[in-house]
């Protein structure tokens, strides 16, 4: 995934039932998704074993365990790794020691760390700090509640993407309120992983929607 030539599509399975998650994962995989994410809601609802279940049906794709780890980084990353995760998310709000412990444990288990900037007050400043901690990916994330409250408008998100992607040699992921109206601009700004959840998981035809989004990603001119 490093040194990617085009942006990748990550599908966030923020659903409450593992059966629904597996059905969506299979359709997404068959129609062009690059990464499958066991969402926080899914893991909280069904347990860490949901990651293993997703990996079993998507063995050829990286699987993300969206843990948003805040503490005990080593223990939680090891748990995710033992259940088939290829990438584990850690909250950027966590202490630097937690992040460093997560990075070291990830290396020992052959997995990678994505740090999520959700609700960080200064995402650019914190993002620059993270570049020095050995993480593999940084995710600029607009939370659902924050978007509803009018926080971090899309133009602000794009500015942060541009600044981090030009200053930090780490792939940048983007999540939160992404649809076909802003994908291309985010990719042109430097986003390398496009994370989409309900836009796809709640669509009437998951496969068709994934193919539709795939066209935007593949046609984006950097």
N, C-alpha and C. Protein backbone atom coordinates (compact mmCIF):
# COMPACT_ATOMS: atom_id res chain seq x y z
N UNK A 1 0.80 -1.20 0.00
CA UNK A 1 0.00 0.00 0.00
C UNK A 1 0.84 1.26 0.00
N UNK A 2 2.08 1.19 0.46
CA UNK A 2 2.94 2.36 0.46
C UNK A 2 3.41 2.65 -0.96
N UNK A 3 3.58 3.94 -1.25
CA UNK A 3 4.01 4.32 -2.58
C UNK A 3 2.95 4.09 -3.63
N UNK A 4 1.68 4.15 -3.22
CA UNK A 4 0.56 3.86 -4.11
C UNK A 4 0.48 4.90 -5.21
N UNK A 5 0.10 4.46 -6.40
CA UNK A 5 0.00 5.37 -7.51
C UNK A 5 -1.35 6.04 -7.61
N UNK A 6 -2.38 5.45 -7.02
CA UNK A 6 -3.71 6.03 -7.05
C UNK A 6 -4.32 5.90 -5.66
N UNK A 7 -5.37 6.67 -5.43
CA UNK A 7 -6.04 6.61 -4.14
C UNK A 7 -6.76 5.27 -3.99
N UNK A 8 -6.86 4.83 -2.75
CA UNK A 8 -7.51 3.57 -2.44
C UNK A 8 -8.86 3.84 -1.77
N UNK A 9 -9.78 2.91 -1.96
CA UNK A 9 -11.11 3.02 -1.38
C UNK A 9 -11.24 2.08 -0.19
N UNK A 10 -11.50 2.65 0.97
CA UNK A 10 -11.70 1.88 2.20
C UNK A 10 -13.16 1.95 2.61
N UNK A 11 -13.77 0.79 2.81
CA UNK A 11 -15.18 0.73 3.19
C UNK A 11 -15.29 0.48 4.68
N UNK A 12 -15.92 1.42 5.40
CA UNK A 12 -16.09 1.31 6.85
C UNK A 12 -17.41 0.63 7.16
N UNK A 13 -17.31 -0.54 7.78
CA UNK A 13 -18.50 -1.33 8.10
C UNK A 13 -18.99 -0.96 9.51
N UNK A 14 -19.61 0.21 9.60
CA UNK A 14 -20.17 0.65 10.87
C UNK A 14 -21.62 0.20 10.97
N UNK A 15 -21.79 -1.11 11.10
CA UNK A 15 -23.10 -1.73 11.26
C UNK A 15 -23.07 -2.56 12.53
N UNK A 16 -24.23 -2.89 13.05
CA UNK A 16 -24.29 -3.55 14.36
C UNK A 16 -24.26 -5.07 14.29
N UNK A 17 -24.55 -5.64 13.11
CA UNK A 17 -24.61 -7.11 13.00
C UNK A 17 -23.52 -7.62 12.10
N UNK A 18 -22.84 -8.67 12.53
CA UNK A 18 -21.74 -9.21 11.73
C UNK A 18 -22.25 -9.78 10.42
N UNK A 19 -23.47 -10.30 10.41
CA UNK A 19 -24.02 -10.85 9.17
C UNK A 19 -24.14 -9.76 8.10
N UNK A 20 -24.60 -8.59 8.52
CA UNK A 20 -24.71 -7.47 7.58
C UNK A 20 -23.32 -7.02 7.12
N UNK A 21 -22.38 -6.99 8.05
CA UNK A 21 -21.02 -6.57 7.72
C UNK A 21 -20.40 -7.50 6.69
N UNK A 22 -20.58 -8.79 6.86
CA UNK A 22 -19.99 -9.75 5.93
C UNK A 22 -20.61 -9.64 4.55
N UNK A 23 -21.91 -9.44 4.50
CA UNK A 23 -22.59 -9.29 3.21
C UNK A 23 -22.08 -8.07 2.46
N UNK A 24 -21.95 -6.95 3.17
CA UNK A 24 -21.46 -5.72 2.55
C UNK A 24 -20.01 -5.89 2.13
N UNK A 25 -19.21 -6.52 3.01
CA UNK A 25 -17.79 -6.71 2.72
C UNK A 25 -17.59 -7.51 1.44
N UNK A 26 -18.34 -8.55 1.27
CA UNK A 26 -18.22 -9.39 0.08
C UNK A 26 -18.58 -8.60 -1.18
N UNK A 27 -19.68 -7.86 -1.12
CA UNK A 27 -20.09 -7.07 -2.28
C UNK A 27 -19.07 -5.97 -2.60
N UNK A 28 -18.56 -5.33 -1.55
CA UNK A 28 -17.57 -4.27 -1.75
C UNK A 28 -16.29 -4.83 -2.36
N UNK A 29 -15.84 -5.97 -1.86
CA UNK A 29 -14.63 -6.61 -2.38
C UNK A 29 -14.79 -6.96 -3.85
N UNK A 30 -15.95 -7.48 -4.20
CA UNK A 30 -16.18 -7.94 -5.58
C UNK A 30 -16.32 -6.78 -6.56
N UNK A 31 -16.54 -5.57 -6.05
CA UNK A 31 -16.82 -4.44 -6.94
C UNK A 31 -15.78 -3.32 -6.89
N UNK A 32 -14.61 -3.61 -6.28
CA UNK A 32 -13.52 -2.66 -6.41
C UNK A 32 -13.01 -2.01 -5.15
N UNK A 33 -13.50 -2.40 -3.97
CA UNK A 33 -12.94 -1.85 -2.74
C UNK A 33 -11.51 -2.34 -2.57
N UNK A 34 -10.67 -1.51 -1.96
CA UNK A 34 -9.27 -1.86 -1.74
C UNK A 34 -8.98 -2.29 -0.30
N UNK A 35 -9.74 -1.75 0.65
CA UNK A 35 -9.54 -2.00 2.07
C UNK A 35 -10.92 -2.16 2.71
N UNK A 36 -11.03 -3.10 3.64
CA UNK A 36 -12.28 -3.29 4.36
C UNK A 36 -12.05 -3.00 5.84
N UNK A 37 -12.93 -2.21 6.41
CA UNK A 37 -12.77 -1.80 7.81
C UNK A 37 -13.87 -2.38 8.69
N UNK A 38 -13.45 -3.06 9.76
CA UNK A 38 -14.39 -3.42 10.82
C UNK A 38 -14.58 -2.18 11.66
N UNK A 39 -15.74 -1.54 11.51
CA UNK A 39 -15.97 -0.26 12.15
C UNK A 39 -16.07 -0.36 13.67
N UNK A 40 -15.92 0.78 14.33
CA UNK A 40 -15.99 0.82 15.79
C UNK A 40 -17.32 0.29 16.29
N UNK A 41 -18.40 0.68 15.64
CA UNK A 41 -19.73 0.21 16.04
C UNK A 41 -19.81 -1.31 15.96
N UNK A 42 -19.28 -1.87 14.87
CA UNK A 42 -19.33 -3.33 14.70
C UNK A 42 -18.53 -4.03 15.79
N UNK A 43 -17.33 -3.53 16.07
CA UNK A 43 -16.48 -4.17 17.08
C UNK A 43 -17.11 -4.05 18.46
N UNK A 44 -17.71 -2.92 18.77
CA UNK A 44 -18.36 -2.76 20.07
C UNK A 44 -19.60 -3.63 20.19
N UNK A 45 -20.28 -3.82 19.08
CA UNK A 45 -21.52 -4.59 19.09
C UNK A 45 -21.28 -6.10 19.13
N UNK A 46 -20.28 -6.56 18.38
CA UNK A 46 -20.10 -8.00 18.22
C UNK A 46 -18.78 -8.53 18.75
N UNK A 47 -17.86 -7.63 19.14
CA UNK A 47 -16.59 -8.07 19.67
C UNK A 47 -15.49 -8.09 18.62
N UNK A 48 -14.26 -8.27 19.09
CA UNK A 48 -13.09 -8.25 18.22
C UNK A 48 -13.09 -9.41 17.23
N UNK A 49 -13.85 -10.46 17.51
CA UNK A 49 -13.91 -11.60 16.59
C UNK A 49 -14.51 -11.21 15.24
N UNK A 50 -15.22 -10.08 15.19
CA UNK A 50 -15.79 -9.63 13.92
C UNK A 50 -14.69 -9.31 12.92
N UNK A 51 -13.52 -8.89 13.41
CA UNK A 51 -12.39 -8.62 12.53
C UNK A 51 -11.96 -9.91 11.85
N UNK A 52 -11.87 -10.97 12.63
CA UNK A 52 -11.49 -12.28 12.08
C UNK A 52 -12.50 -12.75 11.05
N UNK A 53 -13.78 -12.54 11.33
CA UNK A 53 -14.83 -12.97 10.39
C UNK A 53 -14.71 -12.24 9.06
N UNK A 54 -14.41 -10.93 9.12
CA UNK A 54 -14.25 -10.16 7.89
C UNK A 54 -13.02 -10.61 7.13
N UNK A 55 -11.94 -10.86 7.84
CA UNK A 55 -10.71 -11.31 7.19
C UNK A 55 -10.93 -12.63 6.47
N UNK A 56 -11.75 -13.48 7.01
CA UNK A 56 -12.00 -14.79 6.39
C UNK A 56 -12.67 -14.67 5.03
N UNK A 57 -13.46 -13.62 4.82
CA UNK A 57 -14.13 -13.45 3.52
C UNK A 57 -13.40 -12.45 2.62
N UNK A 58 -12.38 -11.79 3.17
CA UNK A 58 -11.61 -10.81 2.39
C UNK A 58 -10.11 -11.05 2.60
N UNK A 59 -9.69 -12.28 2.39
CA UNK A 59 -8.30 -12.65 2.67
C UNK A 59 -7.29 -11.90 1.80
N UNK A 60 -7.73 -11.47 0.62
CA UNK A 60 -6.80 -10.80 -0.29
C UNK A 60 -6.77 -9.29 -0.11
N UNK A 61 -7.53 -8.75 0.84
CA UNK A 61 -7.56 -7.31 1.07
C UNK A 61 -7.10 -6.99 2.49
N UNK A 62 -6.47 -5.83 2.70
CA UNK A 62 -6.16 -5.41 4.06
C UNK A 62 -7.45 -5.16 4.84
N UNK A 63 -7.45 -5.59 6.09
CA UNK A 63 -8.60 -5.37 6.97
C UNK A 63 -8.18 -4.46 8.12
N UNK A 64 -8.97 -3.42 8.33
CA UNK A 64 -8.71 -2.45 9.39
C UNK A 64 -9.58 -2.77 10.60
N UNK A 65 -8.96 -2.76 11.78
CA UNK A 65 -9.72 -2.83 13.03
C UNK A 65 -9.80 -1.40 13.56
N UNK A 66 -10.98 -0.80 13.45
CA UNK A 66 -11.12 0.60 13.86
C UNK A 66 -11.34 0.68 15.37
N UNK A 67 -10.25 0.50 16.10
CA UNK A 67 -10.30 0.46 17.56
C UNK A 67 -10.25 1.86 18.19
N UNK A 68 -9.66 2.83 17.48
CA UNK A 68 -9.44 4.17 18.03
C UNK A 68 -8.84 4.06 19.44
N UNK A 69 -7.76 3.34 19.53
CA UNK A 69 -7.13 3.04 20.82
C UNK A 69 -6.73 4.33 21.53
N UNK A 70 -7.10 4.43 22.80
CA UNK A 70 -6.76 5.60 23.61
C UNK A 70 -5.76 5.27 24.72
N UNK A 71 -5.67 4.01 25.09
CA UNK A 71 -4.78 3.60 26.17
C UNK A 71 -4.39 2.14 25.95
N UNK A 72 -3.44 1.67 26.71
CA UNK A 72 -2.94 0.28 26.59
C UNK A 72 -2.74 -0.10 25.12
N UNK A 73 -1.94 0.71 24.45
CA UNK A 73 -1.73 0.52 23.01
C UNK A 73 -1.21 -0.85 22.65
N UNK A 74 -0.24 -1.36 23.41
CA UNK A 74 0.35 -2.66 23.08
C UNK A 74 -0.69 -3.77 23.16
N UNK A 75 -1.47 -3.78 24.24
CA UNK A 75 -2.44 -4.85 24.45
C UNK A 75 -3.54 -4.84 23.39
N UNK A 76 -4.06 -3.66 23.08
CA UNK A 76 -5.17 -3.60 22.12
C UNK A 76 -4.71 -3.91 20.70
N UNK A 77 -3.53 -3.44 20.34
CA UNK A 77 -3.02 -3.75 19.00
C UNK A 77 -2.75 -5.25 18.87
N UNK A 78 -2.18 -5.85 19.90
CA UNK A 78 -1.93 -7.29 19.85
C UNK A 78 -3.23 -8.06 19.71
N UNK A 79 -4.27 -7.66 20.44
CA UNK A 79 -5.57 -8.31 20.35
C UNK A 79 -6.12 -8.23 18.93
N UNK A 80 -6.03 -7.05 18.32
CA UNK A 80 -6.52 -6.88 16.95
C UNK A 80 -5.71 -7.71 15.97
N UNK A 81 -4.39 -7.71 16.14
CA UNK A 81 -3.51 -8.46 15.24
C UNK A 81 -3.81 -9.95 15.31
N UNK A 82 -4.04 -10.46 16.51
CA UNK A 82 -4.31 -11.89 16.67
C UNK A 82 -5.67 -12.29 16.09
N UNK A 83 -6.50 -11.29 15.82
CA UNK A 83 -7.81 -11.57 15.21
C UNK A 83 -7.86 -11.20 13.73
N UNK A 84 -6.68 -11.07 13.11
CA UNK A 84 -6.64 -10.92 11.66
C UNK A 84 -6.51 -9.53 11.11
N UNK A 85 -6.40 -8.52 11.98
CA UNK A 85 -6.28 -7.15 11.47
C UNK A 85 -4.94 -6.94 10.78
N UNK A 86 -4.96 -6.19 9.70
CA UNK A 86 -3.73 -5.77 9.02
C UNK A 86 -3.35 -4.36 9.41
N UNK A 87 -4.35 -3.57 9.78
CA UNK A 87 -4.16 -2.18 10.20
C UNK A 87 -5.02 -1.96 11.44
N UNK A 88 -4.49 -1.25 12.41
CA UNK A 88 -5.24 -0.92 13.63
C UNK A 88 -5.25 0.59 13.79
N UNK A 89 -6.41 1.16 14.12
CA UNK A 89 -6.47 2.60 14.33
C UNK A 89 -6.24 2.95 15.79
N UNK A 90 -5.50 4.02 15.99
CA UNK A 90 -5.21 4.57 17.31
C UNK A 90 -5.64 6.02 17.30
N UNK A 91 -6.25 6.48 18.39
CA UNK A 91 -6.68 7.87 18.45
C UNK A 91 -5.47 8.79 18.61
N UNK A 92 -5.49 9.89 17.88
CA UNK A 92 -4.44 10.91 18.02
C UNK A 92 -4.54 11.62 19.36
N UNK A 93 -5.65 11.43 20.08
CA UNK A 93 -5.81 12.00 21.41
C UNK A 93 -5.05 11.21 22.46
N UNK A 94 -4.59 10.01 22.09
CA UNK A 94 -3.85 9.17 23.02
C UNK A 94 -2.50 9.79 23.36
N UNK A 95 -1.95 9.38 24.50
CA UNK A 95 -0.62 9.81 24.91
C UNK A 95 0.40 9.28 23.90
N UNK A 96 1.49 10.02 23.71
CA UNK A 96 2.52 9.59 22.78
C UNK A 96 3.05 8.20 23.13
N UNK A 97 3.16 7.88 24.42
CA UNK A 97 3.63 6.54 24.81
C UNK A 97 2.69 5.46 24.31
N UNK A 98 1.39 5.73 24.39
CA UNK A 98 0.41 4.77 23.88
C UNK A 98 0.62 4.53 22.40
N UNK A 99 0.84 5.61 21.66
CA UNK A 99 1.06 5.50 20.22
C UNK A 99 2.36 4.76 19.92
N UNK A 100 3.40 5.09 20.64
CA UNK A 100 4.69 4.41 20.43
C UNK A 100 4.59 2.92 20.78
N UNK A 101 3.91 2.59 21.86
CA UNK A 101 3.71 1.18 22.22
C UNK A 101 2.93 0.46 21.14
N UNK A 102 1.93 1.15 20.58
CA UNK A 102 1.13 0.56 19.51
C UNK A 102 1.99 0.30 18.28
N UNK A 103 2.85 1.25 17.94
CA UNK A 103 3.73 1.12 16.78
C UNK A 103 4.68 -0.06 16.96
N UNK A 104 5.31 -0.15 18.13
CA UNK A 104 6.26 -1.24 18.39
C UNK A 104 5.56 -2.60 18.33
N UNK A 105 4.40 -2.70 18.95
CA UNK A 105 3.65 -3.96 18.94
C UNK A 105 3.20 -4.32 17.53
N UNK A 106 2.79 -3.31 16.78
CA UNK A 106 2.38 -3.55 15.39
C UNK A 106 3.53 -4.13 14.58
N UNK A 107 4.71 -3.55 14.74
CA UNK A 107 5.88 -4.07 14.03
C UNK A 107 6.14 -5.54 14.39
N UNK A 108 6.01 -5.85 15.66
CA UNK A 108 6.26 -7.22 16.11
C UNK A 108 5.26 -8.22 15.56
N UNK A 109 4.07 -7.74 15.21
CA UNK A 109 3.02 -8.63 14.71
C UNK A 109 2.77 -8.48 13.21
N UNK A 110 3.57 -7.66 12.55
CA UNK A 110 3.43 -7.51 11.11
C UNK A 110 2.20 -6.74 10.67
N UNK A 111 1.71 -5.84 11.53
CA UNK A 111 0.56 -5.02 11.16
C UNK A 111 0.98 -3.55 11.14
N UNK A 112 0.06 -2.68 10.75
CA UNK A 112 0.37 -1.25 10.63
C UNK A 112 -0.59 -0.42 11.48
N UNK A 113 -0.15 0.80 11.75
CA UNK A 113 -0.91 1.70 12.61
C UNK A 113 -1.40 2.91 11.81
N UNK A 114 -2.71 3.15 11.90
CA UNK A 114 -3.32 4.36 11.35
C UNK A 114 -3.79 5.20 12.53
N UNK A 115 -3.30 6.43 12.63
CA UNK A 115 -3.72 7.31 13.72
C UNK A 115 -4.84 8.21 13.23
N UNK A 116 -5.92 8.26 14.02
CA UNK A 116 -7.14 8.97 13.66
C UNK A 116 -7.18 10.31 14.39
N UNK A 117 -7.30 11.40 13.62
CA UNK A 117 -7.29 12.75 14.18
C UNK A 117 -8.67 13.24 14.63
N UNK A 118 -9.63 12.34 14.77
CA UNK A 118 -10.98 12.70 15.17
C UNK A 118 -10.97 13.51 16.47
N UNK A 119 -11.56 14.70 16.41
CA UNK A 119 -11.75 15.60 17.55
C UNK A 119 -10.46 16.22 18.09
N UNK A 120 -9.37 16.12 17.35
CA UNK A 120 -8.14 16.83 17.73
C UNK A 120 -8.34 18.32 17.42
N UNK A 121 -8.01 19.19 18.37
CA UNK A 121 -8.27 20.62 18.21
C UNK A 121 -7.42 21.24 17.09
N UNK A 122 -6.18 20.83 16.99
CA UNK A 122 -5.30 21.35 15.95
C UNK A 122 -4.76 20.16 15.14
N UNK A 123 -5.53 19.68 14.17
CA UNK A 123 -5.13 18.47 13.43
C UNK A 123 -3.82 18.62 12.67
N UNK A 124 -3.52 19.82 12.20
CA UNK A 124 -2.27 20.01 11.46
C UNK A 124 -1.07 19.87 12.39
N UNK A 125 -1.13 20.53 13.53
CA UNK A 125 -0.02 20.48 14.48
C UNK A 125 0.17 19.06 15.01
N UNK A 126 -0.92 18.41 15.38
CA UNK A 126 -0.82 17.03 15.90
C UNK A 126 -0.37 16.08 14.79
N UNK A 127 -0.84 16.31 13.59
CA UNK A 127 -0.42 15.47 12.47
C UNK A 127 1.08 15.53 12.24
N UNK A 128 1.65 16.71 12.37
CA UNK A 128 3.09 16.85 12.21
C UNK A 128 3.84 16.10 13.30
N UNK A 129 3.31 16.14 14.52
CA UNK A 129 3.92 15.38 15.61
C UNK A 129 3.90 13.88 15.31
N UNK A 130 2.80 13.41 14.77
CA UNK A 130 2.64 11.98 14.50
C UNK A 130 3.63 11.49 13.45
N UNK A 131 4.02 12.38 12.56
CA UNK A 131 4.99 11.99 11.53
C UNK A 131 6.30 11.51 12.14
N UNK A 132 6.58 11.97 13.36
CA UNK A 132 7.83 11.63 14.02
C UNK A 132 7.71 10.39 14.91
N UNK A 133 6.52 9.83 15.02
CA UNK A 133 6.30 8.72 15.94
C UNK A 133 6.30 7.35 15.27
N UNK A 134 6.53 7.32 13.97
CA UNK A 134 6.65 6.04 13.28
C UNK A 134 5.35 5.40 12.86
N UNK A 135 4.26 6.17 12.85
CA UNK A 135 2.98 5.60 12.42
C UNK A 135 2.99 5.41 10.91
N UNK A 136 2.08 4.56 10.43
CA UNK A 136 2.07 4.22 9.00
C UNK A 136 1.10 5.07 8.18
N UNK A 137 0.02 5.49 8.80
CA UNK A 137 -1.00 6.29 8.11
C UNK A 137 -1.57 7.30 9.10
N UNK A 138 -2.01 8.43 8.57
CA UNK A 138 -2.72 9.43 9.36
C UNK A 138 -4.09 9.62 8.71
N UNK A 139 -5.14 9.57 9.53
CA UNK A 139 -6.50 9.76 9.02
C UNK A 139 -7.07 11.08 9.51
N UNK A 140 -7.38 11.96 8.57
CA UNK A 140 -8.05 13.22 8.89
C UNK A 140 -9.54 12.93 8.87
N UNK A 141 -10.18 13.02 10.02
CA UNK A 141 -11.52 12.47 10.21
C UNK A 141 -12.48 13.53 10.74
N UNK A 142 -13.55 13.75 10.00
CA UNK A 142 -14.64 14.62 10.48
C UNK A 142 -15.71 13.72 11.09
N UNK A 143 -15.94 13.85 12.40
CA UNK A 143 -16.94 13.02 13.06
C UNK A 143 -18.35 13.36 12.63
N UNK A 144 -19.24 12.39 12.73
CA UNK A 144 -20.64 12.58 12.34
C UNK A 144 -21.27 13.71 13.14
N UNK A 145 -21.11 13.67 14.46
CA UNK A 145 -21.70 14.70 15.31
C UNK A 145 -21.08 16.07 15.03
N UNK A 146 -19.76 16.07 14.77
CA UNK A 146 -19.08 17.34 14.49
C UNK A 146 -19.59 17.96 13.20
N UNK A 147 -19.80 17.13 12.19
CA UNK A 147 -20.32 17.62 10.91
C UNK A 147 -21.71 18.19 11.11
N UNK A 148 -22.54 17.49 11.89
CA UNK A 148 -23.90 17.97 12.17
C UNK A 148 -23.88 19.30 12.91
N UNK A 149 -22.84 19.49 13.73
CA UNK A 149 -22.72 20.72 14.51
C UNK A 149 -22.03 21.83 13.73
N UNK A 150 -21.60 21.52 12.51
CA UNK A 150 -20.97 22.53 11.66
C UNK A 150 -19.48 22.67 11.85
N UNK A 151 -18.85 21.72 12.57
CA UNK A 151 -17.40 21.80 12.79
C UNK A 151 -16.64 21.23 11.59
N UNK A 152 -15.44 21.71 11.37
CA UNK A 152 -14.56 21.31 10.28
C UNK A 152 -15.31 21.17 8.95
N UNK A 153 -15.50 22.26 8.30
CA UNK A 153 -16.12 22.23 6.98
C UNK A 153 -15.17 21.55 5.99
N UNK A 154 -15.69 21.14 4.87
CA UNK A 154 -14.90 20.40 3.89
C UNK A 154 -13.70 21.20 3.40
N UNK A 155 -13.86 22.50 3.21
CA UNK A 155 -12.73 23.30 2.74
C UNK A 155 -11.60 23.32 3.76
N UNK A 156 -11.94 23.30 5.04
CA UNK A 156 -10.92 23.24 6.09
C UNK A 156 -10.21 21.89 6.06
N UNK A 157 -10.99 20.83 5.86
CA UNK A 157 -10.41 19.50 5.77
C UNK A 157 -9.42 19.41 4.61
N UNK A 158 -9.79 19.97 3.50
CA UNK A 158 -8.92 19.95 2.31
C UNK A 158 -7.61 20.70 2.59
N UNK A 159 -7.69 21.81 3.31
CA UNK A 159 -6.47 22.56 3.65
C UNK A 159 -5.53 21.72 4.52
N UNK A 160 -6.10 20.99 5.48
CA UNK A 160 -5.27 20.14 6.35
C UNK A 160 -4.65 19.01 5.54
N UNK A 161 -5.42 18.43 4.63
CA UNK A 161 -4.89 17.36 3.77
C UNK A 161 -3.71 17.88 2.96
N UNK A 162 -3.88 19.04 2.35
CA UNK A 162 -2.80 19.63 1.54
C UNK A 162 -1.54 19.85 2.37
N UNK A 163 -1.72 20.42 3.54
CA UNK A 163 -0.57 20.76 4.38
C UNK A 163 0.15 19.52 4.87
N UNK A 164 -0.59 18.51 5.33
CA UNK A 164 0.05 17.30 5.85
C UNK A 164 0.67 16.46 4.73
N UNK A 165 -0.02 16.34 3.63
CA UNK A 165 0.49 15.51 2.54
C UNK A 165 1.77 16.08 1.94
N UNK A 166 1.92 17.40 2.00
CA UNK A 166 3.12 18.03 1.44
C UNK A 166 4.28 18.07 2.43
N UNK A 167 3.97 17.90 3.72
CA UNK A 167 5.00 18.03 4.75
C UNK A 167 5.39 16.72 5.41
N UNK A 168 4.56 15.72 5.25
CA UNK A 168 4.75 14.47 5.99
C UNK A 168 4.75 13.30 5.01
N UNK A 169 5.79 12.52 5.03
CA UNK A 169 5.93 11.42 4.08
C UNK A 169 5.18 10.17 4.56
N UNK A 170 3.90 10.35 4.86
CA UNK A 170 3.04 9.27 5.33
C UNK A 170 1.72 9.37 4.57
N UNK A 171 1.19 8.25 4.07
CA UNK A 171 -0.10 8.31 3.37
C UNK A 171 -1.20 8.90 4.24
N UNK A 172 -2.00 9.77 3.65
CA UNK A 172 -3.09 10.44 4.35
C UNK A 172 -4.43 9.82 3.95
N UNK A 173 -5.20 9.43 4.96
CA UNK A 173 -6.56 8.95 4.75
C UNK A 173 -7.53 10.06 5.14
N UNK A 174 -8.72 10.03 4.54
CA UNK A 174 -9.75 11.01 4.90
C UNK A 174 -11.06 10.27 5.14
N UNK A 175 -11.79 10.75 6.14
CA UNK A 175 -13.06 10.11 6.50
C UNK A 175 -14.03 11.15 7.03
N UNK A 176 -15.31 10.92 6.80
CA UNK A 176 -16.34 11.79 7.35
C UNK A 176 -16.99 12.70 6.34
N UNK A 177 -18.20 12.39 5.95
CA UNK A 177 -18.93 13.24 5.03
C UNK A 177 -18.40 13.27 3.62
N UNK A 178 -17.78 12.18 3.20
CA UNK A 178 -17.21 12.11 1.85
C UNK A 178 -18.22 11.50 0.89
N UNK A 179 -18.38 12.14 -0.27
CA UNK A 179 -19.27 11.61 -1.29
C UNK A 179 -18.72 11.96 -2.67
N UNK A 180 -19.51 11.72 -3.69
CA UNK A 180 -19.00 11.92 -5.05
C UNK A 180 -18.79 13.40 -5.40
N UNK A 181 -19.21 14.31 -4.54
CA UNK A 181 -19.03 15.73 -4.81
C UNK A 181 -17.67 16.26 -4.35
N UNK A 182 -16.99 15.52 -3.49
CA UNK A 182 -15.73 16.04 -2.96
C UNK A 182 -14.55 15.08 -3.05
N UNK A 183 -14.77 13.86 -3.55
CA UNK A 183 -13.69 12.87 -3.62
C UNK A 183 -12.51 13.38 -4.45
N UNK A 184 -12.80 13.87 -5.64
CA UNK A 184 -11.71 14.27 -6.54
C UNK A 184 -10.88 15.40 -5.96
N UNK A 185 -11.53 16.36 -5.30
CA UNK A 185 -10.80 17.48 -4.71
C UNK A 185 -9.91 17.00 -3.56
N UNK A 186 -10.40 16.05 -2.78
CA UNK A 186 -9.60 15.50 -1.68
C UNK A 186 -8.38 14.75 -2.21
N UNK A 187 -8.56 14.02 -3.29
CA UNK A 187 -7.43 13.30 -3.89
C UNK A 187 -6.42 14.28 -4.47
N UNK A 188 -6.90 15.32 -5.14
CA UNK A 188 -5.99 16.33 -5.68
C UNK A 188 -5.22 17.04 -4.56
N UNK A 189 -5.84 17.12 -3.38
CA UNK A 189 -5.19 17.76 -2.24
C UNK A 189 -4.12 16.87 -1.63
N UNK A 190 -4.16 15.57 -1.96
CA UNK A 190 -3.14 14.66 -1.44
C UNK A 190 -3.65 13.45 -0.70
N UNK A 191 -4.96 13.29 -0.57
CA UNK A 191 -5.50 12.11 0.12
C UNK A 191 -5.21 10.85 -0.69
N UNK A 192 -4.74 9.83 -0.01
CA UNK A 192 -4.40 8.57 -0.67
C UNK A 192 -5.32 7.42 -0.30
N UNK A 193 -6.10 7.60 0.76
CA UNK A 193 -7.09 6.59 1.15
C UNK A 193 -8.39 7.32 1.41
N UNK A 194 -9.43 6.93 0.68
CA UNK A 194 -10.77 7.50 0.83
C UNK A 194 -11.61 6.53 1.64
N UNK A 195 -12.00 6.96 2.85
CA UNK A 195 -12.79 6.10 3.73
C UNK A 195 -14.25 6.50 3.62
N UNK A 196 -15.09 5.53 3.27
CA UNK A 196 -16.52 5.81 3.13
C UNK A 196 -17.32 4.77 3.89
N UNK A 197 -18.33 5.24 4.61
CA UNK A 197 -19.17 4.36 5.39
C UNK A 197 -20.59 4.32 4.91
N UNK A 198 -21.45 5.10 5.55
CA UNK A 198 -22.89 5.00 5.29
C UNK A 198 -23.28 5.32 3.85
N UNK A 199 -22.51 6.16 3.18
CA UNK A 199 -22.82 6.46 1.77
C UNK A 199 -22.90 5.17 0.97
N UNK A 200 -22.08 4.21 1.33
CA UNK A 200 -22.07 2.92 0.64
C UNK A 200 -22.87 1.87 1.38
N UNK A 201 -22.65 1.76 2.70
CA UNK A 201 -23.30 0.67 3.44
C UNK A 201 -24.81 0.81 3.52
N UNK A 202 -25.33 2.04 3.40
CA UNK A 202 -26.77 2.26 3.45
C UNK A 202 -27.40 2.42 2.07
N UNK A 203 -26.60 2.24 1.05
CA UNK A 203 -27.15 2.38 -0.31
C UNK A 203 -28.00 1.17 -0.67
N UNK A 204 -28.91 1.36 -1.59
CA UNK A 204 -29.80 0.28 -2.00
C UNK A 204 -29.06 -0.83 -2.73
N UNK A 205 -27.97 -0.48 -3.41
CA UNK A 205 -27.17 -1.45 -4.17
C UNK A 205 -25.70 -1.17 -3.88
N UNK A 206 -25.15 -1.92 -2.93
CA UNK A 206 -23.78 -1.67 -2.49
C UNK A 206 -22.79 -1.83 -3.64
N UNK A 207 -22.92 -2.90 -4.40
CA UNK A 207 -21.99 -3.14 -5.50
C UNK A 207 -21.99 -2.02 -6.51
N UNK A 208 -23.16 -1.57 -6.89
CA UNK A 208 -23.27 -0.49 -7.87
C UNK A 208 -22.68 0.81 -7.32
N UNK A 209 -22.92 1.09 -6.05
CA UNK A 209 -22.39 2.32 -5.44
C UNK A 209 -20.87 2.28 -5.36
N UNK A 210 -20.31 1.13 -5.01
CA UNK A 210 -18.85 1.00 -4.97
C UNK A 210 -18.26 1.24 -6.35
N UNK A 211 -18.87 0.67 -7.37
CA UNK A 211 -18.38 0.88 -8.74
C UNK A 211 -18.46 2.35 -9.13
N UNK A 212 -19.53 3.01 -8.73
CA UNK A 212 -19.72 4.43 -9.03
C UNK A 212 -18.61 5.27 -8.39
N UNK A 213 -18.34 5.03 -7.12
CA UNK A 213 -17.29 5.76 -6.41
C UNK A 213 -15.91 5.43 -6.98
N UNK A 214 -15.74 4.18 -7.36
CA UNK A 214 -14.45 3.74 -7.95
C UNK A 214 -14.12 4.55 -9.19
N UNK A 215 -15.14 4.90 -9.98
CA UNK A 215 -14.92 5.70 -11.19
C UNK A 215 -14.36 7.07 -10.84
N UNK A 216 -14.89 7.68 -9.79
CA UNK A 216 -14.41 9.00 -9.37
C UNK A 216 -12.97 8.92 -8.89
N UNK A 217 -12.67 7.90 -8.11
CA UNK A 217 -11.31 7.74 -7.58
C UNK A 217 -10.32 7.51 -8.71
N UNK A 218 -10.67 6.63 -9.63
CA UNK A 218 -9.74 6.28 -10.71
C UNK A 218 -9.56 7.40 -11.72
N UNK A 219 -10.55 8.30 -11.79
CA UNK A 219 -10.45 9.39 -12.78
C UNK A 219 -9.87 10.67 -12.20
N UNK A 220 -9.66 10.69 -10.88
CA UNK A 220 -9.15 11.90 -10.24
C UNK A 220 -7.74 12.21 -10.75
N UNK A 221 -7.52 13.44 -11.15
CA UNK A 221 -6.22 13.87 -11.65
C UNK A 221 -5.48 14.57 -10.52
N UNK A 222 -4.32 14.00 -10.14
CA UNK A 222 -3.54 14.56 -9.04
C UNK A 222 -2.68 15.72 -9.55
